[in-house]
Amino acid sequence: MVDKKATSLQEKFMHHEKDTGSVEVQVVKLTAEIKELQGHCEHNPKDFSSKRGLLQKVNQRKRFLDYLKHHNQNAHKELVKELGLRK
């Protein structure tokens, strides 16, 4: 269940019509999934497998952002600003 804001952001950062694999699009998708898992983990504090999945997604997003910062700083700054991430 990805919200409309994530979908519009995903469309904004697409390089072409069928782009699902670019770093920017993957970061937007991961951010939406992270927000959803955070809500789940708040309501289910003993669900350790979901917490593990949340941490994996956060670390994957961090690696994508580090890659993007190294290869395209302007895209990194714009993406972080649009998603409201702290960096």
C-alpha atoms as a PDB file:
ATOM      1  CA  MET A   1       0.000   0.000   0.000  1.00  0.00           C
ATOM      2  CA  VAL A   2       2.077   2.866  -1.293  1.00  0.00           C
ATOM      3  CA  ASP A   3       0.510   6.282  -0.765  1.00  0.00           C
ATOM      4  CA  LYS A   4      -0.162   8.815  -3.517  1.00  0.00           C
ATOM      5  CA  LYS A   5       2.691  11.094  -2.432  1.00  0.00           C
ATOM      6  CA  ALA A   6       5.228   8.304  -2.894  1.00  0.00           C
ATOM      7  CA  THR A   7       3.783   7.488  -6.311  1.00  0.00           C
ATOM      8  CA  SER A   8       4.001  11.097  -7.458  1.00  0.00           C
ATOM      9  CA  LEU A   9       7.575  11.365  -6.148  1.00  0.00           C
ATOM     10  CA  GLN A  10       8.434   8.135  -7.904  1.00  0.00           C
ATOM     11  CA  GLU A  11       7.081   9.526 -11.170  1.00  0.00           C
ATOM     12  CA  LYS A  12       9.047  12.741 -10.641  1.00  0.00           C
ATOM     13  CA  PHE A  13      12.379  10.944 -10.281  1.00  0.00           C
ATOM     14  CA  MET A  14      11.873   8.431 -13.109  1.00  0.00           C
ATOM     15  CA  HIS A  15      14.388   8.728 -15.936  1.00  0.00           C
ATOM     16  CA  HIS A  16      11.973   7.239 -18.467  1.00  0.00           C
ATOM     17  CA  GLU A  17       8.432   5.866 -18.615  1.00  0.00           C
ATOM     18  CA  LYS A  18       9.145   2.351 -17.343  1.00  0.00           C
ATOM     19  CA  ASP A  19      11.947   3.223 -14.918  1.00  0.00           C
ATOM     20  CA  THR A  20      11.801   1.118 -11.769  1.00  0.00           C
ATOM     21  CA  GLY A  21      15.473   0.414 -11.174  1.00  0.00           C
ATOM     22  CA  SER A  22      17.200   3.769 -10.982  1.00  0.00           C
ATOM     23  CA  VAL A  23      18.679   4.671  -7.633  1.00  0.00           C
ATOM     24  CA  GLU A  24      16.314   7.596  -7.115  1.00  0.00           C
ATOM     25  CA  VAL A  25      13.187   5.505  -7.727  1.00  0.00           C
ATOM     26  CA  GLN A  26      14.430   2.724  -5.452  1.00  0.00           C
ATOM     27  CA  VAL A  27      15.091   5.234  -2.654  1.00  0.00           C
ATOM     28  CA  VAL A  28      11.542   6.612  -2.994  1.00  0.00           C
ATOM     29  CA  LYS A  29      10.096   3.083  -2.860  1.00  0.00           C
ATOM     30  CA  LEU A  30      12.213   2.136   0.145  1.00  0.00           C
ATOM     31  CA  THR A  31      11.189   5.314   1.962  1.00  0.00           C
ATOM     32  CA  ALA A  32       7.498   4.482   1.485  1.00  0.00           C
ATOM     33  CA  GLU A  33       8.072   0.923   2.720  1.00  0.00           C
ATOM     34  CA  ILE A  34      10.069   2.197   5.708  1.00  0.00           C
ATOM     35  CA  LYS A  35       7.278   4.557   6.742  1.00  0.00           C
ATOM     36  CA  GLU A  36       4.766   1.733   6.523  1.00  0.00           C
ATOM     37  CA  LEU A  37       6.958  -0.631   8.567  1.00  0.00           C
ATOM     38  CA  GLN A  38       7.593   2.047  11.201  1.00  0.00           C
ATOM     39  CA  GLY A  39       3.871   2.301  11.833  1.00  0.00           C
ATOM     40  CA  HIS A  40       3.590  -1.481  12.027  1.00  0.00           C
ATOM     41  CA  CYS A  41       6.496  -1.738  14.469  1.00  0.00           C
ATOM     42  CA  GLU A  42       5.011   0.955  16.712  1.00  0.00           C
ATOM     43  CA  HIS A  43       1.771  -1.009  17.022  1.00  0.00           C
ATOM     44  CA  ASN A  44       3.508  -4.403  17.290  1.00  0.00           C
ATOM     45  CA  PRO A  45       6.612  -3.903  19.432  1.00  0.00           C
ATOM     46  CA  LYS A  46       7.337  -7.645  19.767  1.00  0.00           C
ATOM     47  CA  ASP A  47       7.382  -8.328  16.029  1.00  0.00           C
ATOM     48  CA  PHE A  48      11.121  -8.781  15.768  1.00  0.00           C
ATOM     49  CA  SER A  49      11.159 -10.091  12.207  1.00  0.00           C
ATOM     50  CA  SER A  50       9.495  -6.882  11.008  1.00  0.00           C
ATOM     51  CA  LYS A  51      12.018  -4.836  12.965  1.00  0.00           C
ATOM     52  CA  ARG A  52      14.792  -6.760  11.254  1.00  0.00           C
ATOM     53  CA  GLY A  53      13.205  -6.105   7.862  1.00  0.00           C
ATOM     54  CA  LEU A  54      12.877  -2.416   8.735  1.00  0.00           C
ATOM     55  CA  LEU A  55      16.557  -2.198   9.613  1.00  0.00           C
ATOM     56  CA  GLN A  56      17.501  -3.947   6.380  1.00  0.00           C
ATOM     57  CA  LYS A  57      15.458  -1.461   4.347  1.00  0.00           C
ATOM     58  CA  VAL A  58      16.946   1.515   6.216  1.00  0.00           C
ATOM     59  CA  ASN A  59      20.468   0.228   5.582  1.00  0.00           C
ATOM     60  CA  GLN A  60      19.707  -0.459   1.913  1.00  0.00           C
ATOM     61  CA  ARG A  61      18.382   3.090   1.515  1.00  0.00           C
ATOM     62  CA  LYS A  62      21.506   4.439   3.213  1.00  0.00           C
ATOM     63  CA  ARG A  63      23.721   2.529   0.770  1.00  0.00           C
ATOM     64  CA  PHE A  64      21.706   3.854  -2.187  1.00  0.00           C
ATOM     65  CA  LEU A  65      21.978   7.419  -0.874  1.00  0.00           C
ATOM     66  CA  ASP A  66      25.733   7.054  -0.335  1.00  0.00           C
ATOM     67  CA  TYR A  67      26.100   5.777  -3.900  1.00  0.00           C
ATOM     68  CA  LEU A  68      24.023   8.645  -5.240  1.00  0.00           C
ATOM     69  CA  LYS A  69      25.975  11.217  -3.213  1.00  0.00           C
ATOM     70  CA  HIS A  70      29.231   9.868  -4.627  1.00  0.00           C
ATOM     71  CA  HIS A  71      28.027   9.783  -8.249  1.00  0.00           C
ATOM     72  CA  ASN A  72      25.529  12.657  -8.522  1.00  0.00           C
ATOM     73  CA  GLN A  73      25.500  15.169  -5.675  1.00  0.00           C
ATOM     74  CA  ASN A  74      22.802  17.384  -7.199  1.00  0.00           C
ATOM     75  CA  ALA A  75      20.362  14.474  -7.514  1.00  0.00           C
ATOM     76  CA  HIS A  76      21.224  13.417  -3.960  1.00  0.00           C
ATOM     77  CA  LYS A  77      20.481  16.871  -2.537  1.00  0.00           C
ATOM     78  CA  GLU A  78      17.187  17.136  -4.420  1.00  0.00           C
ATOM     79  CA  LEU A  79      16.075  13.646  -3.380  1.00  0.00           C
ATOM     80  CA  VAL A  80      16.909  14.180   0.293  1.00  0.00           C
ATOM     81  CA  LYS A  81      15.080  17.518   0.241  1.00  0.00           C
ATOM     82  CA  GLU A  82      11.969  16.085  -1.440  1.00  0.00           C
ATOM     83  CA  LEU A  83      11.781  13.079   0.893  1.00  0.00           C
ATOM     84  CA  GLY A  84      12.477  15.138   4.000  1.00  0.00           C
ATOM     85  CA  LEU A  85      15.356  12.942   5.103  1.00  0.00           C
ATOM     86  CA  ARG A  86      17.966  14.173   7.544  1.00  0.00           C
ATOM     87  CA  LYS A  87      21.343  14.419   5.882  1.00  0.00           C
END
